[in-house]
N, C-alpha and C. Protein backbone atom coordinates (compact mmCIF):
# COMPACT_ATOMS: atom_id res chain seq x y z
N MET A 1 0.88 -1.29 0.06
CA MET A 1 -0.16 0.03 -0.09
C MET A 1 0.93 0.94 0.07
N ASN A 2 2.07 1.26 0.50
CA ASN A 2 2.90 2.40 0.53
C ASN A 2 3.30 2.70 -0.86
N ASN A 3 3.58 2.06 -1.46
CA ASN A 3 4.14 2.03 -2.82
C ASN A 3 3.32 2.97 -3.76
N ARG A 4 2.12 3.04 -3.72
CA ARG A 4 1.27 3.99 -4.25
C ARG A 4 1.53 5.50 -3.84
N ILE A 5 1.98 5.50 -2.71
CA ILE A 5 2.58 7.16 -2.40
C ILE A 5 3.62 7.53 -3.45
N ASN A 6 4.53 6.64 -3.57
CA ASN A 6 5.71 6.77 -4.23
C ASN A 6 5.60 6.82 -5.95
N LEU A 7 4.48 6.68 -6.70
CA LEU A 7 4.20 6.57 -7.82
C LEU A 7 4.20 7.94 -8.35
N THR A 8 4.73 8.03 -9.60
CA THR A 8 4.84 9.04 -10.58
C THR A 8 3.19 9.39 -11.33
N SER A 9 2.97 10.52 -11.57
CA SER A 9 1.67 10.74 -12.52
C SER A 9 1.67 9.84 -13.77
N GLU A 10 2.65 9.70 -14.48
CA GLU A 10 2.87 8.63 -15.36
C GLU A 10 2.41 7.46 -15.39
N GLN A 11 3.10 7.02 -14.27
CA GLN A 11 2.60 5.47 -13.38
C GLN A 11 1.23 5.31 -13.23
N LEU A 12 0.71 6.43 -12.47
CA LEU A 12 -0.53 6.38 -12.15
C LEU A 12 -1.62 6.23 -13.27
N ARG A 13 -1.52 7.33 -14.37
CA ARG A 13 -2.01 7.09 -15.67
C ARG A 13 -1.93 5.71 -16.09
N GLU A 14 -0.93 5.01 -16.30
CA GLU A 14 -0.71 3.78 -16.87
C GLU A 14 -1.56 2.75 -16.06
N ALA A 15 -1.41 2.60 -14.88
CA ALA A 15 -2.15 2.09 -13.95
C ALA A 15 -3.55 2.05 -14.20
N ALA A 16 -4.40 3.28 -14.49
CA ALA A 16 -5.48 3.68 -14.42
C ALA A 16 -5.93 3.07 -15.70
N ALA A 17 -5.12 3.02 -16.80
CA ALA A 17 -5.34 2.56 -18.37
C ALA A 17 -5.52 0.95 -18.34
N ILE A 18 -4.48 0.50 -17.59
CA ILE A 18 -4.73 -0.79 -17.33
C ILE A 18 -5.72 -1.63 -16.55
N LYS A 19 -6.16 -0.66 -15.56
CA LYS A 19 -7.40 -1.04 -14.83
C LYS A 19 -8.60 -1.11 -15.75
N ASP A 20 -8.74 0.12 -16.65
CA ASP A 20 -9.91 0.27 -17.56
C ASP A 20 -9.72 -0.98 -18.44
N GLN A 21 -8.74 -1.20 -19.07
CA GLN A 21 -8.86 -2.63 -19.73
C GLN A 21 -9.08 -3.84 -19.18
N ILE A 22 -8.76 -3.92 -17.92
CA ILE A 22 -9.22 -5.01 -17.23
C ILE A 22 -10.47 -5.20 -17.10
N GLU A 23 -11.22 -4.06 -16.63
CA GLU A 23 -12.73 -4.06 -16.52
C GLU A 23 -13.45 -4.30 -17.82
N ALA A 24 -12.87 -3.83 -19.07
CA ALA A 24 -13.44 -3.80 -20.47
C ALA A 24 -13.37 -5.31 -20.50
N LEU A 25 -12.46 -5.93 -20.48
CA LEU A 25 -12.18 -7.64 -20.54
C LEU A 25 -12.96 -8.24 -19.60
N GLU A 26 -12.97 -7.95 -18.69
CA GLU A 26 -14.10 -8.72 -17.65
C GLU A 26 -15.48 -8.28 -18.01
N ALA A 27 -15.99 -7.24 -18.87
CA ALA A 27 -17.35 -7.06 -19.29
C ALA A 27 -17.54 -7.92 -20.26
N LYS A 28 -16.50 -8.06 -21.00
CA LYS A 28 -16.66 -8.99 -22.49
C LYS A 28 -16.80 -10.11 -21.94
N LEU A 29 -16.41 -10.65 -20.77
CA LEU A 29 -16.13 -12.04 -20.56
C LEU A 29 -17.58 -12.57 -19.98
N ALA A 30 -17.93 -11.37 -19.18
CA ALA A 30 -19.23 -11.58 -18.71
C ALA A 30 -20.27 -11.92 -19.49
N GLY A 31 -20.11 -10.94 -20.42
CA GLY A 31 -21.09 -11.11 -21.79
C GLY A 31 -21.01 -12.41 -22.52
N LEU A 32 -19.86 -12.82 -22.76
CA LEU A 32 -19.69 -14.03 -23.37
C LEU A 32 -20.24 -15.31 -22.42
N LEU A 33 -19.87 -15.16 -21.29
CA LEU A 33 -20.36 -16.33 -20.35
C LEU A 33 -21.84 -16.16 -19.99
N SER A 34 -22.58 -15.27 -20.30
CA SER A 34 -24.06 -14.99 -20.16
C SER A 34 -25.03 -15.45 -21.28
N GLY A 35 -24.10 -15.69 -22.59
CA GLY A 35 -24.59 -15.96 -23.98
C GLY A 35 -25.18 -14.82 -24.42
N ALA A 36 -24.94 -13.84 -24.23
CA ALA A 36 -25.27 -12.68 -25.22
C ALA A 36 -24.48 -12.73 -26.55
N GLY A 37 -23.62 -13.22 -26.62
CA GLY A 37 -22.75 -13.33 -27.89
C GLY A 37 -21.64 -12.32 -28.03
N VAL A 38 -21.09 -12.69 -29.17
CA VAL A 38 -19.87 -11.41 -29.39
C VAL A 38 -20.44 -10.22 -29.91
N SER A 39 -21.50 -10.11 -30.76
CA SER A 39 -22.09 -8.93 -31.30
C SER A 39 -22.39 -7.80 -30.32
N ALA A 40 -22.87 -8.40 -29.17
CA ALA A 40 -23.57 -7.46 -28.14
C ALA A 40 -21.99 -6.87 -27.50
N VAL A 41 -21.21 -7.66 -27.27
CA VAL A 41 -20.07 -7.33 -26.40
C VAL A 41 -19.32 -6.35 -27.32
N SER A 42 -19.00 -6.56 -28.41
CA SER A 42 -18.21 -6.20 -29.22
C SER A 42 -18.91 -4.47 -29.76
N ALA A 43 -19.99 -4.05 -29.24
CA ALA A 43 -20.28 -2.84 -29.56
C ALA A 43 -19.57 -1.73 -28.66
N ALA A 44 -19.22 -1.82 -27.58
CA ALA A 44 -18.11 -0.86 -27.17
C ALA A 44 -17.00 -0.63 -28.06
N PRO A 45 -16.65 0.48 -28.09
CA PRO A 45 -15.62 1.23 -29.11
C PRO A 45 -14.19 0.45 -28.26
N VAL A 46 -13.42 -0.08 -29.07
CA VAL A 46 -12.08 -0.70 -28.57
C VAL A 46 -10.97 0.70 -28.40
N ALA A 47 -11.28 1.50 -29.43
CA ALA A 47 -10.29 2.63 -29.73
C ALA A 47 -10.45 3.65 -28.39
N ALA A 48 -11.39 3.80 -27.73
CA ALA A 48 -11.71 4.34 -26.66
C ALA A 48 -10.78 4.19 -25.40
N THR A 49 -10.16 3.21 -25.45
CA THR A 49 -9.21 2.88 -24.40
C THR A 49 -8.18 3.67 -24.40
N PRO A 50 -7.84 4.65 -23.13
CA PRO A 50 -6.68 5.71 -23.08
C PRO A 50 -5.60 5.07 -23.22
N GLY A 51 -5.24 3.65 -22.86
CA GLY A 51 -4.03 3.15 -22.75
C GLY A 51 -3.23 3.18 -24.30
N LYS A 52 -4.12 3.14 -25.40
CA LYS A 52 -3.53 2.84 -26.68
C LYS A 52 -3.61 4.06 -27.05
N ARG A 53 -2.41 4.62 -27.41
CA ARG A 53 -1.75 5.95 -27.86
C ARG A 53 -0.69 5.87 -29.00
N ARG A 54 -0.74 6.50 -29.94
CA ARG A 54 -0.12 6.27 -31.10
C ARG A 54 1.41 7.57 -30.46
N GLY A 55 2.61 7.26 -31.05
CA GLY A 55 3.71 8.22 -31.07
C GLY A 55 4.20 7.69 -29.91
N ARG A 56 5.19 8.77 -29.37
CA ARG A 56 6.06 8.32 -28.28
C ARG A 56 5.43 8.81 -27.00
N LYS A 57 5.89 8.00 -26.02
CA LYS A 57 5.20 8.17 -24.59
C LYS A 57 5.63 9.46 -24.21
N PRO A 58 4.74 10.38 -23.45
CA PRO A 58 5.33 11.40 -22.50
C PRO A 58 6.30 11.46 -21.81
N GLY A 59 7.28 12.28 -21.79
CA GLY A 59 8.63 12.03 -20.98
C GLY A 59 9.65 11.06 -21.73
N SER A 60 9.51 10.96 -23.08
CA SER A 60 10.40 10.03 -23.69
C SER A 60 11.89 10.58 -23.77
N LYS A 61 12.98 10.00 -23.97
CA LYS A 61 14.27 10.46 -23.84
C LYS A 61 14.63 11.38 -24.86
N ASN A 62 14.01 11.54 -26.32
CA ASN A 62 14.24 12.47 -26.88
C ASN A 62 13.49 13.87 -26.49
N LYS A 63 12.57 13.69 -25.79
CA LYS A 63 11.96 15.24 -25.24
C LYS A 63 12.89 15.76 -24.07
N VAL A 64 13.52 14.85 -23.22
CA VAL A 64 14.29 15.21 -22.22
C VAL A 64 15.86 15.67 -22.77
N LYS A 65 16.15 15.05 -23.99
CA LYS A 65 17.37 15.50 -24.58
C LYS A 65 17.02 17.04 -25.20
N ALA A 66 16.00 17.16 -25.61
CA ALA A 66 15.70 18.32 -26.30
C ALA A 66 15.54 19.45 -25.14
N SER A 67 14.88 19.12 -23.98
CA SER A 67 14.80 20.24 -22.97
C SER A 67 16.54 20.58 -22.38
N ALA A 68 17.11 19.61 -22.57
CA ALA A 68 18.59 19.75 -22.14
C ALA A 68 19.40 20.67 -22.90
N GLU A 69 19.25 20.29 -24.06
CA GLU A 69 19.88 21.20 -25.08
C GLU A 69 19.28 22.80 -25.28
N SER A 70 18.12 23.05 -24.60
CA SER A 70 17.67 24.26 -24.68
C SER A 70 18.26 25.28 -23.52
N THR A 71 18.84 24.46 -22.47
CA THR A 71 19.45 25.06 -21.33
C THR A 71 21.02 25.45 -21.36
N PRO A 72 21.21 26.73 -21.88
CA PRO A 72 22.76 26.77 -22.18
C PRO A 72 23.62 26.79 -20.91
N SER A 73 22.99 27.10 -19.48
CA SER A 73 24.01 26.78 -18.34
C SER A 73 24.44 25.35 -18.28
N ASP A 74 23.45 24.53 -18.54
CA ASP A 74 24.01 23.06 -18.22
C ASP A 74 25.05 22.66 -19.40
N SER A 75 24.72 23.31 -20.34
CA SER A 75 25.60 22.40 -21.48
C SER A 75 27.11 23.03 -21.15
N ALA A 76 27.51 24.13 -20.14
CA ALA A 76 28.84 24.28 -20.14
C ALA A 76 29.27 23.21 -19.07
N ALA A 77 28.51 22.99 -17.96
CA ALA A 77 29.29 21.75 -17.19
C ALA A 77 29.16 20.66 -17.50
N ALA A 78 28.33 20.19 -18.51
CA ALA A 78 28.30 18.79 -19.22
C ALA A 78 29.40 18.71 -20.16
N PRO A 79 30.15 17.62 -20.11
CA PRO A 79 31.30 17.47 -21.21
C PRO A 79 30.75 17.09 -22.26
N THR A 80 31.32 17.68 -23.48
CA THR A 80 30.66 17.19 -24.87
C THR A 80 30.94 15.69 -25.44
N ALA A 81 30.03 15.03 -25.89
CA ALA A 81 30.24 13.70 -26.33
C ALA A 81 30.99 13.94 -27.72
N LYS A 82 31.92 13.01 -27.98
CA LYS A 82 32.48 12.92 -29.42
C LYS A 82 31.91 12.09 -30.27
N LYS A 83 31.53 12.70 -31.73
CA LYS A 83 30.69 11.67 -32.58
C LYS A 83 31.61 10.79 -33.11
N LYS A 84 31.06 9.48 -33.15
CA LYS A 84 31.77 8.39 -33.81
C LYS A 84 32.21 9.08 -35.46
N ALA A 85 33.33 8.33 -35.76
CA ALA A 85 33.64 8.70 -37.08
C ALA A 85 33.18 7.87 -38.15
N LYS A 86 32.62 8.52 -39.28
CA LYS A 86 31.93 7.52 -40.15
C LYS A 86 32.46 6.65 -40.56
N ARG A 87 32.14 5.27 -40.72
CA ARG A 87 33.02 3.96 -40.97
C ARG A 87 33.31 4.10 -42.86
N GLN A 88 34.37 3.72 -42.95
CA GLN A 88 34.86 3.87 -44.26
C GLN A 88 35.13 2.33 -45.06
N MET A 89 34.70 1.97 -46.09
CA MET A 89 34.93 0.63 -46.60
C MET A 89 36.03 0.79 -47.22
N SER A 90 36.98 -0.23 -47.33
CA SER A 90 38.51 -0.27 -47.86
C SER A 90 38.25 -0.57 -49.38
N PRO A 91 39.20 -0.21 -50.07
CA PRO A 91 38.79 -0.80 -51.48
C PRO A 91 39.05 -2.07 -51.75
N GLU A 92 39.85 -2.84 -51.19
CA GLU A 92 39.68 -4.28 -51.11
C GLU A 92 38.52 -4.98 -50.77
N GLY A 93 37.73 -4.40 -49.47
CA GLY A 93 36.53 -5.00 -49.40
C GLY A 93 35.21 -4.35 -50.37
N ARG A 94 35.35 -3.37 -51.00
CA ARG A 94 34.23 -3.10 -52.04
C ARG A 94 34.63 -3.88 -53.32
N ALA A 95 35.77 -4.32 -53.51
CA ALA A 95 36.07 -4.94 -54.72
C ALA A 95 35.44 -6.52 -54.40
N ARG A 96 35.73 -6.87 -53.33
CA ARG A 96 35.01 -8.42 -52.93
C ARG A 96 33.49 -8.31 -53.22
N ILE A 97 32.92 -7.55 -52.52
CA ILE A 97 31.62 -7.32 -52.77
C ILE A 97 31.27 -6.94 -54.13
N ILE A 98 31.62 -6.33 -54.96
CA ILE A 98 31.47 -6.09 -56.46
C ILE A 98 31.65 -7.72 -57.01
N ALA A 99 32.59 -8.25 -56.82
CA ALA A 99 32.96 -9.24 -57.49
C ALA A 99 31.77 -10.60 -57.01
N ALA A 100 31.26 -10.44 -55.82
CA ALA A 100 30.62 -11.36 -55.36
C ALA A 100 29.02 -11.17 -55.99
N GLN A 101 28.74 -9.97 -56.38
CA GLN A 101 27.56 -9.58 -56.89
C GLN A 101 27.52 -9.53 -58.32
N LYS A 102 28.69 -9.82 -58.86
CA LYS A 102 28.82 -10.11 -60.40
C LYS A 102 28.84 -11.45 -60.58
N ALA A 103 29.05 -12.18 -59.62
CA ALA A 103 29.01 -13.51 -59.62
C ALA A 103 27.51 -14.01 -59.37
N ARG A 104 26.71 -13.12 -58.62
CA ARG A 104 25.54 -13.63 -58.46
C ARG A 104 24.67 -13.24 -59.78
N TRP A 105 25.03 -12.10 -60.19
CA TRP A 105 24.09 -11.91 -61.60
C TRP A 105 24.34 -12.91 -62.74
N ALA A 106 25.51 -13.13 -62.83
CA ALA A 106 25.80 -14.20 -63.91
C ALA A 106 25.15 -15.57 -63.38
N LYS A 107 25.31 -15.87 -62.46
CA LYS A 107 24.60 -17.15 -61.86
C LYS A 107 22.76 -17.17 -62.15
N ALA A 108 22.40 -15.94 -62.03
CA ALA A 108 20.85 -15.75 -62.23
C ALA A 108 20.62 -15.40 -63.80
N LYS A 109 21.61 -15.00 -64.53
CA LYS A 109 21.60 -14.90 -66.06
C LYS A 109 21.78 -16.14 -66.80
N LYS A 110 22.63 -17.00 -66.14
CA LYS A 110 22.88 -18.60 -66.60
C LYS A 110 21.59 -19.18 -66.42
N GLY A 111 20.87 -19.30 -65.17
CA GLY A 111 19.51 -20.03 -65.14
C GLY A 111 18.65 -19.66 -65.86
N LYS A 112 18.55 -18.69 -66.72
CA LYS A 112 17.10 -18.25 -67.58
C LYS A 112 17.59 -18.80 -68.76
């Protein structure tokens, strides 16, 4: 019971969405068991469940990253990360790939 006090608002929203889904499934199960059939139970809109949202979750890493970049005072204290160098293919590796592809094309043309 004490864990409920330490929950964030996002966790509470997710818990409420799960509870709504459970209630909808219980209602659907009760309808099936009562013999009402699937058509009467499926009349409830499925898209109305608040847990099914498209896009990024609120508080995703991208939003945190964007807010961190907007504050210039924090950027002076944080060390700058080095970008990885773009990987280059050696001429020998490229030649091997070209030769293998030409062999595949020749095999495909020979089969026709």
